[in-house]
Structures are given as C-alpha cells and as structure tokens.
Protein backbone atom coordinates (compact mmCIF):
# COMPACT_ATOMS: atom_id res chain seq x y z
CA MET A 1 54.14 -104.69 -56.63
CA THR A 2 57.62 -105.50 -56.29
CA MET A 3 59.33 -102.87 -56.83
CA SER A 4 63.53 -103.03 -57.97
CA ARG A 5 66.27 -101.61 -56.01
CA GLU A 6 67.15 -99.85 -59.29
CA SER A 7 63.96 -98.22 -59.68
CA ALA A 8 63.60 -97.92 -55.42
CA GLU A 9 66.95 -95.87 -55.75
CA VAL A 10 65.80 -93.94 -58.80
CA PHE A 11 62.71 -92.40 -57.15
CA ALA A 12 64.39 -91.90 -53.42
CA LEU A 13 66.69 -89.45 -55.75
CA ASN A 14 63.89 -87.92 -57.39
CA ALA A 15 62.14 -87.93 -53.68
CA LEU A 16 64.84 -86.62 -52.64
CA GLY A 17 64.85 -83.89 -55.07
CA TRP A 18 61.39 -83.18 -54.60
CA ILE A 19 62.18 -82.82 -50.71
CA VAL A 20 65.10 -79.62 -51.76
CA GLY A 21 62.55 -78.29 -54.13
CA GLN A 22 60.32 -77.02 -50.62
CA ALA A 23 62.94 -74.56 -49.60
CA GLU A 24 60.51 -72.91 -47.83
CA ASP A 25 59.49 -76.16 -44.77
CA VAL A 26 60.23 -79.76 -45.49
CA LEU A 27 64.22 -78.98 -46.21
CA PRO A 28 64.72 -76.90 -43.64
CA ALA A 29 62.70 -80.56 -41.63
CA PHE A 30 65.29 -83.19 -43.89
CA LEU A 31 67.92 -81.19 -42.21
CA GLY A 32 67.32 -80.60 -38.72
CA ALA A 33 65.52 -84.22 -38.84
CA THR A 34 68.71 -86.21 -40.13
CA GLY A 35 71.28 -83.79 -39.70
CA SER A 36 72.24 -82.77 -42.68
CA SER A 37 73.59 -80.35 -44.57
CA GLU A 38 73.43 -78.87 -48.47
CA SER A 39 76.67 -79.91 -48.87
CA ASP A 40 75.82 -83.46 -47.78
CA ILE A 41 72.56 -83.89 -49.51
CA ARG A 42 75.21 -82.94 -52.94
CA GLU A 43 77.87 -85.71 -51.81
CA ARG A 44 75.65 -88.96 -49.89
CA ALA A 45 72.53 -88.98 -52.41
CA ALA A 46 73.58 -91.60 -54.36
CA ASP A 47 74.49 -93.30 -51.42
CA PRO A 48 71.41 -96.35 -50.37
CA GLU A 49 72.06 -95.71 -46.35
CA PHE A 50 71.19 -91.80 -47.65
CA GLN A 51 68.50 -92.69 -49.94
CA LEU A 52 66.53 -94.56 -47.40
CA CYS A 53 66.83 -91.52 -44.85
CA VAL A 54 65.36 -89.57 -47.41
CA LEU A 55 62.01 -92.15 -48.01
CA ASP A 56 62.21 -92.58 -43.41
CA PHE A 57 61.54 -88.84 -43.68
CA LEU A 58 58.64 -88.69 -46.04
CA MET A 59 57.23 -91.49 -43.58
CA MET A 60 57.02 -89.47 -41.11
CA ASP A 61 53.97 -86.99 -42.33
CA ASP A 62 51.68 -88.41 -44.03
CA GLN A 63 50.75 -85.42 -45.95
CA TRP A 64 54.83 -85.16 -47.41
CA ILE A 65 53.77 -88.60 -48.97
CA ILE A 66 50.53 -86.78 -50.53
CA SER A 67 52.13 -83.90 -51.79
CA CYS A 68 55.92 -86.02 -52.66
CA CYS A 69 53.87 -88.42 -55.11
CA ASP A 70 51.36 -86.16 -56.23
CA ALA A 71 54.16 -84.00 -57.51
CA LEU A 72 56.38 -87.45 -58.52
CA ARG A 73 52.65 -88.78 -60.37
CA VAL A 74 53.22 -92.11 -57.96
CA PRO A 75 51.41 -93.45 -55.57
CA TYR A 76 51.58 -93.49 -52.57
CA GLU A 77 52.33 -96.54 -51.50
CA ARG A 78 55.36 -96.24 -53.75
CA VAL A 79 57.25 -94.72 -50.21
CA ALA A 80 57.07 -97.79 -48.46
CA GLU A 81 57.03 -99.90 -51.31
CA ALA A 82 60.95 -98.37 -52.26
CA ARG A 83 62.13 -98.17 -48.75
CA GLN A 84 61.22 -101.96 -48.45
CA ALA A 85 63.71 -103.42 -51.61
CA MET A 86 66.41 -100.18 -49.99
CA PRO A 87 69.21 -102.12 -48.78
CA GLY A 88 68.25 -103.26 -44.99
CA GLY A 89 64.59 -100.89 -45.84
CA ALA A 90 61.87 -104.30 -45.26
CA GLU A 91 64.03 -104.10 -41.17
CA MET A 92 62.25 -101.88 -39.27
CA SER A 93 61.56 -100.68 -36.06
CA TRP A 94 59.49 -98.12 -34.72
CA THR A 95 60.32 -98.84 -30.60
C-alpha cells in the first residue's frame, strides 16, 4: 500500500503524541536522541523534517514500534510506510 504524504504526516503527528505520552521513558529518550526540547516539539510538530525525525526515532527500537502501533491501532509496518512517504524519507543510509 502506498501512503500519501498527508497520511504520513498525520501518522507522524499521532506517533509524536504517543511519544509525548510516554513521559517516563520514551519521551526522555526522544529528547536525548534528537537534541530536541519540549518547546521544539510544540514549535516544530508540523514540520515534515521534524516528523521524519520522529519516525526515525521510533525505528530505533522494535518495542517502541510495537507499543506505538498497538496504541494507535495500526499495522507495525505503518512506521516504515510513513517514513517512505515523507519528503526525503525514501533516502536511507545506515552507514
């Protein structure tokens, strides 16, 4: 299934909401991994580049993907599908 950019952005916002809701463990890890602050989250939530960071962060840990997708009631592959639909998301280099 090919996801539209708009659908990917909505998913990324929902995923960000899930991250923020995990204030005990996932949110601090997100802030540390991205160098973001809580004000950055408020100011940049609608920025596609920031949303791509959200999806990249989730992809760092299978348990985060499982927990987020279960909470949002979407298939686990939705994170990767959304990432690919985002501007610059199809370009991936792990080296």
